[in-house]
Protein backbone atom coordinates (compact mmCIF):
# COMPACT_ATOMS: atom_id res chain seq x y z
CA MET A 1 33.85 -25.13 51.89
CA LEU A 2 32.19 -27.65 49.58
CA GLU A 3 29.39 -25.19 48.85
CA THR A 4 31.96 -22.57 47.91
CA VAL A 5 33.67 -24.98 45.51
CA TRP A 6 30.37 -25.93 43.86
CA SER A 7 29.41 -22.27 43.70
CA ASN A 8 32.68 -21.48 41.95
CA HIS A 9 32.11 -24.37 39.52
CA PHE A 10 28.60 -23.17 38.68
CA ALA A 11 29.87 -19.64 38.22
CA ALA A 12 32.59 -20.85 35.88
CA ILE A 13 30.11 -22.97 33.90
CA GLY A 14 27.74 -20.01 33.69
CA THR A 15 30.51 -17.79 32.40
CA VAL A 16 31.46 -20.33 29.74
CA LEU A 17 27.82 -20.76 28.67
CA MET A 18 27.28 -17.00 28.43
CA SER A 19 30.46 -16.71 26.41
CA LEU A 20 29.29 -19.45 24.07
CA LEU A 21 25.84 -17.87 23.71
CA THR A 22 27.39 -14.48 23.01
CA ASP A 23 29.72 -15.99 20.45
CA ALA A 24 26.79 -17.81 18.83
CA THR A 25 24.74 -14.62 18.72
CA ASP A 26 27.62 -12.70 17.22
CA LEU A 27 28.13 -15.39 14.60
CA ALA A 28 24.41 -15.37 13.74
CA ILE A 29 24.41 -11.59 13.37
CA GLU A 30 27.54 -11.75 11.23
CA ARG A 31 26.03 -14.49 9.05
CA ASN A 32 22.74 -12.59 8.61
CA LEU A 33 24.65 -9.43 7.72
CA LYS A 34 26.69 -11.28 5.12
CA GLU A 35 23.45 -12.66 3.64
CA PHE A 36 21.70 -9.28 3.68
CA LEU A 37 24.42 -7.17 2.04
CA PRO A 38 24.38 -9.13 -1.28
CA VAL A 39 20.57 -8.77 -1.37
CA LEU A 40 20.87 -5.00 -1.00
CA LEU A 41 23.63 -4.86 -3.60
CA VAL A 42 21.63 -6.87 -6.12
CA ALA A 43 18.51 -4.76 -5.46
CA LEU A 44 20.40 -1.53 -6.02
CA SER A 45 21.90 -2.94 -9.20
CA ALA A 46 18.43 -3.87 -10.47
CA ALA A 47 17.17 -0.38 -9.62
CA SER A 48 20.02 1.12 -11.65
CA LEU A 49 19.28 -0.86 -14.80
CA PRO A 50 16.53 1.50 -16.11
CA ARG A 51 18.98 4.41 -15.78
CA ILE A 52 21.57 2.57 -17.85
CA PHE A 53 19.13 1.10 -20.38
CA PRO A 54 16.28 3.56 -21.16
CA PHE A 55 14.07 0.90 -22.74
CA LEU A 56 13.72 -0.73 -19.30
CA ARG A 57 12.01 2.34 -17.81
CA GLN A 58 8.61 1.00 -18.84
CA VAL A 59 9.28 -2.29 -17.00
CA PRO A 60 7.96 -2.44 -13.42
CA TYR A 61 10.80 -2.49 -10.93
CA THR A 62 9.32 -5.53 -9.18
CA LEU A 63 9.43 -7.47 -12.45
CA LEU A 64 13.13 -6.63 -12.82
CA LEU A 65 13.74 -8.02 -9.34
CA VAL A 66 11.91 -11.26 -10.17
CA ILE A 67 13.96 -11.65 -13.36
CA VAL A 68 17.22 -11.02 -11.48
CA GLY A 69 16.17 -13.52 -8.82
CA LEU A 70 15.38 -16.08 -11.50
CA GLY A 71 18.81 -15.55 -13.02
CA LEU A 72 20.40 -16.21 -9.66
CA ALA A 73 18.30 -19.35 -9.22
CA LEU A 74 19.40 -20.62 -12.64
CA VAL A 75 23.04 -20.49 -11.56
CA GLU A 76 22.04 -21.91 -8.14
CA VAL A 77 23.04 -18.83 -6.14
CA ARG A 78 20.89 -18.55 -2.99
CA LEU A 79 21.04 -15.10 -1.42
CA ILE A 80 19.04 -15.46 1.78
CA ASP A 81 17.21 -18.14 3.69
CA LEU A 82 14.28 -17.15 5.91
CA SER A 83 12.06 -19.52 7.86
CA PRO A 84 8.42 -19.56 6.69
CA GLY A 85 7.23 -18.31 10.07
CA MET A 86 9.32 -15.14 9.80
CA ILE A 87 8.25 -14.12 6.30
CA LEU A 88 4.87 -12.59 7.14
CA LEU A 89 6.26 -10.87 10.24
CA ILE A 90 9.11 -9.26 8.32
CA PHE A 91 7.39 -8.26 5.09
CA LEU A 92 3.69 -7.63 5.74
CA PRO A 93 3.72 -4.85 8.41
CA PRO A 94 5.71 -2.24 6.43
CA ILE A 95 3.86 -2.96 3.18
CA LEU A 96 0.46 -2.55 4.86
CA PHE A 97 1.43 0.47 6.95
CA GLU A 98 2.88 2.43 4.04
CA ALA A 99 -0.21 1.87 1.87
CA ALA A 100 -2.56 2.94 4.69
CA TRP A 101 -0.44 5.95 5.69
CA LYS A 102 -0.46 7.36 2.13
CA MET A 103 -4.23 7.03 1.71
CA ARG A 104 -6.21 10.25 2.17
CA TRP A 105 -9.37 9.46 4.12
CA PRO A 106 -11.63 12.00 2.31
CA ASP A 107 -10.75 10.38 -1.03
CA LEU A 108 -11.27 6.89 0.35
CA GLN A 109 -14.54 7.88 2.04
CA ARG A 110 -16.07 8.92 -1.28
CA GLU A 111 -15.28 5.50 -2.79
CA LEU A 112 -15.61 3.44 0.38
CA LEU A 113 -18.46 1.19 -0.77
CA PRO A 114 -17.05 0.07 -4.14
CA SER A 115 -13.50 -0.24 -2.72
CA SER A 116 -14.77 -2.39 0.17
CA LEU A 117 -16.85 -4.56 -2.14
CA PHE A 118 -13.92 -5.09 -4.51
CA ALA A 119 -11.53 -5.79 -1.64
CA ILE A 120 -13.55 -8.04 0.65
CA GLY A 121 -16.02 -9.54 -1.80
CA SER A 122 -13.35 -10.55 -4.30
CA VAL A 123 -11.52 -12.71 -1.73
CA PRO A 124 -14.10 -15.55 -1.43
CA ILE A 125 -14.79 -15.33 -5.17
CA THR A 126 -11.07 -15.73 -5.97
CA VAL A 127 -10.51 -18.47 -3.40
CA ALA A 128 -13.55 -20.41 -4.62
CA GLY A 129 -12.85 -19.76 -8.31
CA VAL A 130 -9.18 -20.76 -8.25
CA GLY A 131 -9.87 -23.65 -5.86
CA TRP A 132 -12.69 -25.05 -7.98
CA ALA A 133 -10.74 -24.70 -11.25
CA LEU A 134 -7.62 -26.44 -9.93
CA HIS A 135 -9.62 -29.21 -8.27
CA GLN A 136 -12.09 -29.76 -11.11
CA TRP A 137 -9.75 -29.48 -14.10
CA MET A 138 -6.37 -30.52 -12.68
CA GLN A 139 -7.46 -32.92 -9.90
CA VAL A 140 -5.54 -30.92 -7.30
CA SER A 141 -6.61 -31.66 -3.71
CA TRP A 142 -9.09 -29.21 -2.21
CA THR A 143 -6.60 -28.18 0.48
CA THR A 144 -3.88 -27.27 -2.01
CA ALA A 145 -6.32 -25.67 -4.46
CA LEU A 146 -7.97 -23.44 -1.86
CA LEU A 147 -4.64 -22.44 -0.30
CA THR A 148 -3.42 -21.42 -3.74
CA GLY A 149 -6.58 -19.38 -4.20
CA ALA A 150 -6.08 -17.70 -0.81
CA CYS A 151 -2.53 -16.68 -1.73
CA LEU A 152 -3.69 -15.26 -5.05
CA ALA A 153 -6.65 -13.41 -3.50
CA ALA A 154 -4.24 -10.69 -2.31
CA THR A 155 -3.87 -7.95 -4.92
CA ASP A 156 -0.88 -5.63 -5.19
CA SER A 157 -1.40 -2.31 -6.93
CA ALA A 158 2.01 -0.77 -6.17
CA SER A 159 3.53 -1.35 -9.59
CA VAL A 160 0.57 -0.25 -11.68
CA LEU A 161 -0.16 2.77 -9.45
CA GLY A 162 3.25 4.11 -10.36
CA VAL A 163 2.23 3.93 -14.01
CA PHE A 164 -1.14 5.52 -13.17
CA ARG A 165 0.51 8.54 -11.56
CA GLU A 166 3.05 8.87 -14.35
CA VAL A 167 0.49 8.96 -17.15
CA GLY A 168 -2.36 10.56 -15.18
CA ALA A 169 -5.05 7.86 -14.97
CA GLY A 170 -7.66 9.90 -13.11
CA LYS A 171 -8.20 10.41 -9.40
CA ARG A 172 -11.24 8.16 -9.01
CA LEU A 173 -9.62 5.24 -10.75
CA THR A 174 -6.49 5.60 -8.63
CA THR A 175 -8.49 5.88 -5.40
CA LEU A 176 -10.58 2.80 -6.21
CA LEU A 177 -7.46 0.75 -6.85
CA GLU A 178 -5.65 2.02 -3.73
CA GLY A 179 -8.69 1.46 -1.52
CA GLU A 180 -9.21 -2.05 -2.83
CA SER A 181 -5.59 -3.01 -2.29
CA LEU A 182 -5.65 -1.58 1.24
CA PHE A 183 -8.67 -3.55 2.48
CA ASN A 184 -8.03 -6.59 0.33
CA ASP A 185 -4.79 -7.50 2.10
CA GLY A 186 -6.54 -7.88 5.47
CA ALA A 187 -9.35 -10.03 4.09
CA ALA A 188 -6.94 -12.20 2.07
CA VAL A 189 -4.62 -12.79 5.04
CA VAL A 190 -7.55 -13.78 7.29
CA ALA A 191 -8.84 -16.24 4.67
CA PHE A 192 -5.33 -17.61 4.17
CA SER A 193 -4.86 -18.08 7.94
CA VAL A 194 -8.11 -20.03 8.27
CA LEU A 195 -7.28 -22.32 5.34
CA LEU A 196 -3.68 -22.80 6.47
CA GLU A 197 -4.88 -23.81 9.93
CA GLN A 198 -7.15 -26.36 8.28
CA ALA A 199 -4.26 -27.68 6.20
CA VAL A 200 -2.02 -28.09 9.25
CA ASP A 201 -4.69 -29.41 11.63
CA PRO A 202 -7.89 -30.42 9.78
CA GLN A 203 -11.03 -29.80 11.85
CA PRO A 204 -14.75 -29.66 11.00
CA ILE A 205 -15.64 -26.10 9.99
CA ASP A 206 -18.50 -24.47 11.90
CA LEU A 207 -19.61 -21.44 9.88
CA SER A 208 -21.16 -19.55 12.82
CA THR A 209 -18.09 -20.11 14.99
CA THR A 210 -15.79 -19.03 12.14
CA LEU A 211 -17.77 -15.82 11.56
CA LEU A 212 -17.77 -15.01 15.28
CA GLN A 213 -14.04 -15.63 15.41
CA PHE A 214 -13.56 -13.31 12.44
CA VAL A 215 -15.54 -10.53 14.15
CA VAL A 216 -13.58 -10.89 17.40
CA VAL A 217 -10.22 -11.00 15.63
CA SER A 218 -11.13 -7.94 13.55
CA ALA A 219 -12.41 -6.01 16.59
CA ILE A 220 -9.21 -6.62 18.54
CA GLY A 221 -7.14 -5.54 15.55
CA LEU A 222 -9.22 -2.37 15.13
CA GLY A 223 -8.94 -1.56 18.83
CA VAL A 224 -5.19 -2.06 19.03
CA GLY A 225 -4.55 -0.17 15.80
CA GLY A 226 -6.88 2.65 16.83
CA VAL A 227 -5.25 3.21 20.21
CA ILE A 228 -1.66 2.97 18.96
CA GLY A 229 -2.38 5.04 15.86
CA THR A 230 -4.03 7.86 17.82
CA ILE A 231 -1.21 8.07 20.37
CA VAL A 232 1.53 8.02 17.74
CA ALA A 233 -0.30 10.53 15.53
CA LEU A 234 -0.61 13.02 18.39
CA LEU A 235 3.04 12.57 19.35
CA THR A 236 4.45 12.92 15.86
CA GLN A 237 2.37 15.98 15.01
CA ARG A 238 3.00 17.76 18.31
CA TYR A 239 6.77 17.31 18.09
CA ASP A 240 7.92 18.17 14.59
CA LEU A 241 11.05 16.03 14.44
CA ALA A 242 11.51 13.99 11.27
CA TRP A 243 13.62 11.26 12.83
CA VAL A 244 11.14 10.84 15.70
CA GLU A 245 8.24 10.49 13.26
CA GLN A 246 10.14 7.99 11.12
CA THR A 247 11.18 5.88 14.11
CA LEU A 248 7.70 5.87 15.68
CA SER A 249 6.05 4.95 12.39
CA LEU A 250 8.38 1.99 11.89
CA VAL A 251 7.88 0.85 15.49
CA THR A 252 4.11 1.22 15.01
CA ALA A 253 4.14 -0.94 11.89
CA TYR A 254 5.87 -3.86 13.58
CA GLY A 255 4.74 -3.23 17.17
CA GLY A 256 1.08 -2.85 16.23
CA TYR A 257 1.20 -6.07 14.21
CA ILE A 258 2.88 -8.09 16.97
CA LEU A 259 0.70 -6.69 19.79
CA ALA A 260 -2.55 -7.34 17.92
CA GLU A 261 -1.45 -10.90 17.12
CA ASP A 262 -0.37 -11.54 20.73
CA LEU A 263 -3.79 -10.37 21.97
CA GLY A 264 -5.55 -12.76 19.62
CA GLY A 265 -6.47 -10.19 17.01
CA SER A 266 -5.58 -9.48 13.40
CA GLY A 267 -2.17 -7.88 13.05
CA VAL A 268 -3.03 -6.90 9.47
CA ILE A 269 -6.15 -4.96 10.50
CA GLY A 270 -4.23 -3.39 13.39
CA VAL A 271 -1.46 -2.10 11.12
CA VAL A 272 -3.89 -0.80 8.48
CA THR A 273 -5.97 1.00 11.13
CA ALA A 274 -2.92 2.59 12.73
CA GLY A 275 -1.56 3.67 9.35
CA LEU A 276 -4.85 5.30 8.33
CA ILE A 277 -5.10 7.21 11.62
CA ILE A 278 -1.49 8.41 11.59
CA GLY A 279 -1.75 9.53 7.99
CA ASN A 280 -5.07 11.34 8.42
CA LEU A 281 -5.40 12.57 12.03
CA SER A 282 -4.74 16.29 12.21
CA LEU A 283 -4.38 18.59 15.21
CA VAL A 284 -5.94 21.37 13.13
CA PRO A 285 -9.69 20.75 12.63
CA GLY A 286 -10.77 20.46 9.01
CA GLU A 287 -7.23 20.26 7.63
CA GLN A 288 -5.22 17.31 6.40
CA PRO A 289 -1.97 16.61 8.26
CA GLN A 290 1.16 17.55 6.38
CA LYS A 291 3.09 14.55 5.12
CA CYS A 292 6.65 15.80 5.17
CA SER A 293 9.03 14.90 2.38
CA THR A 294 11.48 13.20 4.76
CA MET A 295 8.76 10.81 5.92
CA ILE A 296 7.74 10.05 2.35
CA GLU A 297 11.36 9.38 1.35
CA PHE A 298 11.89 7.21 4.43
CA TRP A 299 8.95 4.95 3.61
CA GLU A 300 9.84 4.86 -0.07
CA PHE A 301 13.20 3.42 0.97
CA ILE A 302 11.59 0.92 3.38
CA ILE A 303 9.19 -0.34 0.71
CA PHE A 304 12.01 -0.47 -1.84
CA LEU A 305 14.00 -2.61 0.59
CA VAL A 306 11.09 -4.91 1.46
CA ASN A 307 10.04 -5.38 -2.15
CA SER A 308 13.65 -6.04 -3.11
CA ILE A 309 13.94 -8.86 -0.60
CA VAL A 310 10.48 -10.31 -1.34
CA PHE A 311 10.81 -10.45 -5.12
CA LEU A 312 14.44 -11.53 -5.06
CA LEU A 313 13.49 -14.17 -2.53
CA LEU A 314 10.73 -15.45 -4.81
CA GLY A 315 12.95 -15.74 -7.86
CA ASP A 316 15.77 -17.08 -5.72
CA GLN A 317 13.65 -19.80 -4.09
CA ILE A 318 11.91 -21.08 -7.21
CA LEU A 319 12.96 -24.63 -8.08
CA PHE A 320 12.73 -24.85 -11.86
CA PRO A 321 11.98 -28.59 -12.07
CA TYR A 322 8.91 -28.05 -9.84
CA PHE A 323 7.92 -24.89 -11.71
CA LEU A 324 8.04 -26.61 -15.10
CA GLU A 325 6.28 -29.63 -13.68
CA ASN A 326 3.41 -27.42 -12.46
CA ILE A 327 3.21 -25.11 -15.48
CA ASP A 328 -0.17 -26.57 -16.46
CA THR A 329 -1.72 -25.83 -13.06
CA SER A 330 -0.20 -22.34 -13.19
CA LEU A 331 -1.95 -21.66 -16.51
CA VAL A 332 -5.26 -22.83 -15.04
CA ALA A 333 -4.68 -20.61 -12.00
CA ILE A 334 -4.02 -17.61 -14.28
CA ALA A 335 -7.27 -18.20 -16.18
CA ALA A 336 -9.20 -18.67 -12.93
CA VAL A 337 -7.78 -15.46 -11.45
CA LEU A 338 -8.78 -13.46 -14.54
CA VAL A 339 -12.32 -14.86 -14.60
CA SER A 340 -12.78 -14.43 -10.84
CA ARG A 341 -11.50 -10.87 -11.08
CA GLY A 342 -13.96 -10.11 -13.85
CA VAL A 343 -16.90 -11.51 -11.86
CA ALA A 344 -15.94 -9.46 -8.81
CA ILE A 345 -15.26 -6.15 -10.58
CA TYR A 346 -18.23 -6.09 -12.97
CA GLY A 347 -20.63 -7.63 -10.45
CA PHE A 348 -19.75 -5.39 -7.51
CA SER A 349 -19.56 -2.32 -9.76
CA ALA A 350 -23.20 -2.91 -10.70
CA ILE A 351 -24.18 -3.27 -7.02
CA SER A 352 -22.20 -0.18 -6.00
CA GLY A 353 -23.67 1.93 -8.80
CA TRP A 354 -27.21 0.87 -7.87
CA VAL A 355 -26.72 1.66 -4.16
CA THR A 356 -24.80 4.95 -4.47
CA GLN A 357 -26.38 6.19 -7.71
CA ASN A 358 -22.81 6.99 -8.79
CA PRO A 359 -21.96 4.27 -11.32
CA ILE A 360 -18.42 3.45 -12.35
CA PRO A 361 -18.03 3.85 -16.13
CA TRP A 362 -17.56 0.66 -18.13
CA ALA A 363 -14.10 1.74 -19.32
CA GLU A 364 -12.88 2.23 -15.73
CA GLN A 365 -14.35 -1.15 -14.73
CA THR A 366 -12.35 -2.78 -17.53
CA VAL A 367 -9.13 -1.14 -16.34
CA LEU A 368 -9.81 -2.23 -12.74
CA TRP A 369 -10.33 -5.79 -13.96
CA TRP A 370 -7.13 -5.87 -15.98
CA VAL A 371 -4.82 -4.21 -13.43
CA GLY A 372 -5.62 -6.59 -10.56
CA LEU A 373 -1.95 -7.50 -10.25
CA ARG A 374 -0.60 -10.00 -7.73
CA GLY A 375 2.68 -9.22 -6.02
CA SER A 376 4.53 -9.04 -2.73
CA VAL A 377 1.67 -10.04 -0.39
CA ALA A 378 0.77 -13.09 -2.50
CA ILE A 379 4.44 -14.09 -2.55
CA ALA A 380 4.85 -13.60 1.20
CA LEU A 381 1.77 -15.74 1.89
CA ALA A 382 2.97 -18.57 -0.36
CA LEU A 383 6.48 -18.57 1.09
CA SER A 384 5.12 -18.51 4.65
CA ILE A 385 3.49 -21.94 4.27
CA PRO A 386 5.31 -24.42 6.59
CA ASP A 387 7.43 -27.13 5.01
CA GLY A 388 5.16 -29.84 6.42
CA VAL A 389 2.13 -28.75 4.39
CA PRO A 390 1.58 -31.10 1.42
CA ASP A 391 2.25 -29.66 -2.05
CA ARG A 392 3.90 -26.52 -0.62
CA GLN A 393 6.22 -26.26 -3.62
CA GLN A 394 3.30 -26.54 -6.02
CA ILE A 395 1.52 -23.64 -4.29
CA ILE A 396 4.69 -21.54 -4.50
CA SER A 397 5.17 -22.44 -8.17
CA ASN A 398 1.56 -21.61 -9.06
CA SER A 399 1.75 -18.32 -7.14
CA PHE A 400 4.96 -17.46 -8.94
CA GLY A 401 3.39 -18.23 -12.31
CA VAL A 402 0.41 -15.95 -11.66
CA VAL A 403 2.57 -13.13 -10.23
CA LEU A 404 4.93 -13.33 -13.21
CA PHE A 405 1.98 -13.19 -15.65
CA THR A 406 0.35 -10.20 -13.94
CA LEU A 407 3.61 -8.26 -13.81
CA LEU A 408 4.85 -9.18 -17.27
CA ILE A 409 1.60 -9.10 -19.27
CA GLN A 410 -0.94 -7.05 -17.33
CA GLY A 411 1.53 -4.60 -15.82
CA LEU A 412 3.26 -3.79 -19.10
CA THR A 413 0.01 -3.38 -21.04
CA SER A 414 -1.87 -1.21 -18.51
CA LYS A 415 -0.71 2.05 -20.12
CA PHE A 416 -1.78 0.77 -23.57
CA LEU A 417 -5.22 -0.14 -22.20
CA LEU A 418 -5.66 3.29 -20.60
CA ASP A 419 -4.77 4.89 -23.91
CA ARG A 420 -7.18 2.75 -25.95
CA LEU A 421 -10.03 3.49 -23.53
CA ASN A 422 -9.28 7.25 -23.59
CA LEU A 423 -8.56 7.40 -19.87
CA LEU A 424 -5.15 9.05 -20.10
CA THR A 425 -4.58 12.61 -19.00
CA ASP A 426 -1.56 14.85 -19.51
CA GLU A 427 0.11 14.60 -16.11
CA LYS A 428 2.96 16.94 -17.09
CA LEU A 429 0.44 19.60 -18.11
CA TYR A 430 -1.38 19.19 -14.79
CA GLN A 431 1.84 19.56 -12.84
CA GLN A 432 2.79 22.67 -14.78
CA TYR A 433 -0.62 24.21 -14.10
CA LEU A 434 -0.52 23.32 -10.39
CA THR A 435 2.97 24.82 -10.10
CA LEU A 436 1.66 28.10 -11.46
CA VAL A 437 -1.34 27.95 -9.09
CA ALA A 438 1.00 27.46 -6.13
CA GLN A 439 3.19 30.33 -7.35
CA ARG A 440 0.15 32.60 -7.72
CA ASP A 441 -1.10 31.82 -4.20
CA ALA A 442 2.36 32.42 -2.72
CA LEU A 443 2.72 35.77 -4.51
CA GLN A 444 -0.72 36.86 -3.37
CA LYS A 445 0.20 36.16 0.25
CA ILE A 446 3.49 38.02 -0.14
CA LEU A 447 1.67 40.99 -1.68
CA THR A 448 -0.82 41.04 1.20
CA TYR A 449 2.06 41.03 3.65
CA LEU A 450 3.83 43.92 1.88
CA LEU A 451 0.66 46.02 1.67
CA ASP A 452 -0.28 45.57 5.32
CA GLY A 453 -0.73 49.15 6.57
CA ASP A 454 0.09 48.25 10.16
CA ARG A 455 3.48 46.84 9.21
CA LYS A 456 6.13 49.41 8.38
CA PRO A 457 8.98 48.38 6.09
CA VAL A 458 12.19 47.48 7.91
CA ILE A 459 14.29 48.17 4.82
CA ALA A 460 14.98 51.27 2.77
CA ALA A 461 11.96 52.81 1.02
CA ASP A 462 13.42 52.47 -2.50
CA LYS A 463 14.30 48.82 -1.90
CA PHE A 464 10.79 48.20 -0.56
CA GLN A 465 9.22 49.75 -3.67
CA GLN A 466 11.41 47.58 -5.91
CA GLU A 467 10.24 44.45 -4.11
CA LEU A 468 6.61 45.55 -4.28
CA ALA A 469 6.83 46.29 -8.01
CA PHE A 470 8.54 42.95 -8.69
CA VAL A 471 5.87 40.97 -6.80
CA LYS A 472 3.03 42.79 -8.58
CA THR A 473 4.60 42.27 -12.00
CA THR A 474 5.34 38.58 -11.39
CA LEU A 475 1.84 38.00 -10.03
CA THR A 476 0.29 39.57 -13.12
CA GLU A 477 2.49 37.44 -15.40
CA THR A 478 1.54 34.27 -13.50
CA GLN A 479 -2.17 35.06 -13.72
CA ASN A 480 -1.83 35.68 -17.45
CA GLN A 481 -0.02 32.34 -17.90
CA LEU A 482 -2.79 30.53 -16.02
CA ALA A 483 -5.46 32.17 -18.15
CA ALA A 484 -3.59 31.27 -21.33
CA MET A 485 -3.21 27.63 -20.23
CA ARG A 486 -6.91 27.35 -19.42
CA GLU A 487 -7.83 28.72 -22.83
CA ALA A 488 -5.36 26.52 -24.70
CA HIS A 489 -6.09 23.30 -22.77
CA PRO A 490 -9.80 22.69 -22.04
CA LEU A 491 -8.84 19.43 -20.26
CA LEU A 492 -7.68 21.55 -17.32
CA GLU A 493 -11.28 22.45 -16.49
CA GLY A 494 -11.74 19.08 -14.81
CA LEU A 495 -8.76 19.65 -12.54
CA ILE A 496 -9.88 23.22 -11.76
CA LEU A 497 -13.38 22.00 -10.86
CA GLN A 498 -11.90 19.27 -8.66
CA GLN A 499 -9.75 21.79 -6.76
CA HIS A 500 -12.72 24.15 -6.35
CA GLN A 501 -14.93 21.36 -4.95
CA ALA A 502 -12.21 20.20 -2.55
CA GLN A 503 -11.90 23.76 -1.21
CA LEU A 504 -15.68 23.99 -0.68
CA VAL A 505 -15.71 20.67 1.22
CA ALA A 506 -12.79 21.82 3.41
CA ILE A 507 -14.58 25.09 4.32
CA GLU A 508 -17.80 23.23 5.16
CA THR A 509 -15.96 20.64 7.29
CA LEU A 510 -14.05 23.32 9.21
CA THR A 511 -17.28 25.20 9.96
CA TYR A 512 -19.02 22.07 11.27
CA THR A 513 -15.97 21.20 13.39
CA ASN A 514 -15.97 24.64 15.02
CA PHE A 515 -19.67 24.23 15.97
CA VAL A 516 -18.90 20.83 17.53
CA GLN A 517 -15.95 22.21 19.50
CA GLN A 518 -18.13 25.04 20.84
CA GLY A 519 -20.70 22.53 22.05
CA LEU A 520 -23.42 23.77 19.71
CA LEU A 521 -23.55 20.48 17.82
CA LYS A 522 -23.01 16.95 19.13
CA GLU A 523 -21.59 15.57 15.89
CA ILE A 524 -20.57 16.71 12.43
CA PRO A 525 -23.61 16.52 10.10
CA PRO A 526 -23.42 14.91 6.64
CA SER A 527 -21.73 17.04 4.02
CA VAL A 528 -24.17 18.99 1.87
CA ILE A 529 -21.45 19.91 -0.63
CA GLU A 530 -20.29 16.31 -1.10
CA ARG A 531 -23.87 15.20 -1.71
CA ALA A 532 -24.30 17.95 -4.29
CA ILE A 533 -21.03 16.97 -5.97
CA SER A 534 -21.89 13.26 -6.05
CA HIS A 535 -25.46 13.81 -7.28
CA PRO A 536 -25.57 16.96 -9.40
CA SER A 537 -29.05 17.99 -10.46
């Protein structure tokens, strides 16, 4: 009897506790939703400003978000409050995955050495350069100075790449910048993690142990990302369902990051590896996988949302008294970032040109130096520093100062620099030409289909003749337009040559792949065409 009474009491207590926990969870969800909706509303309002005010269309969207966030901070309106530990987990995976997914491996492969040197080699140079400058000139502690350098070692090319594509900055320049940003994030996050661990729990640094740890962490990240990326790529390409592909890609971004971290590896490297595989693994040998428009639009929205929160959060969390107090160290950090960037770009360009015998022109090196913007990753790293770390607010203030400078000064002047160095191309002209090329190819396929002798028309003979005459006439007009454009615009020859070379490489790759599949070759040999393209006689 007594046991029954106690059992009933425990059951009643359990019911009350579950009810309280449920109520608490519901309240937390409701509170988070109320915090999130104003962020989305403000972000959408900022995105609408360039449509209302045309002069704002040349301003990077991320800069608009920072300015809006600053305005909110001035009137002491705080939109959202995230713990430092959650910032990297929420913001980094989608940013890294989207950049890796968009990258075409053949393009990256051609510029792999310089991109890797810029990305990985620039991290220690930036950390050391910013750290030394702040410590030597401003008497900032080594811990704070190096952590600031680690935050600012992460580049963000998203804003300037939009300008590049709009004005037509050249494929090689764009690929170099994309490749650098892709690999740079992983190296910067690893360096930041090591220095943050030292700041939280100082320990003697053993270089050999640190390097071994880096190799192990990277290997685990590569393994996890490779396995997950391959499985998801095969699933999404076998079952052509847009919503399945979108869902799996989002799960991969966060799941790959969390799994790699839980296994003791690098979540950043895991996400980048998975993104590269999913974006470049094709079921058809020798062909690039089709990146459907729905998937592109989905990830454009995700990145818009993430950037909105990150940049609004930065402006929203800045404490102006601290920012003004640390304006001198911010100026030193800006100078150190510019000098460090110059050392890395010009130095590694010389090394890359000597090794590959394919030097990067001086004008393109100058653009790469100037457009080394800092953005969402640098912000996320700074905001993720725990409250207990000394001088946390100074690191955030210095990071904000550098990010604001790169967006406001470097971002807005990148188009001017491209113009002065004669690196601009007519993107609208290119698009018009490519549209006509696509129309010509489509009409040629339609004509082949109509003239197939084994296929009898299923419509009336007179209607069939009308269609045939229309296709022939339109095809002739399109070919004449293409010829006229080529004669009137000699700049198109570069694009035509590029398309021709890409087609030759695709044919060669497909042939090698067929030999491997038939068991006649063990592996795909080096590309003869690519070597001829890279080193013309």
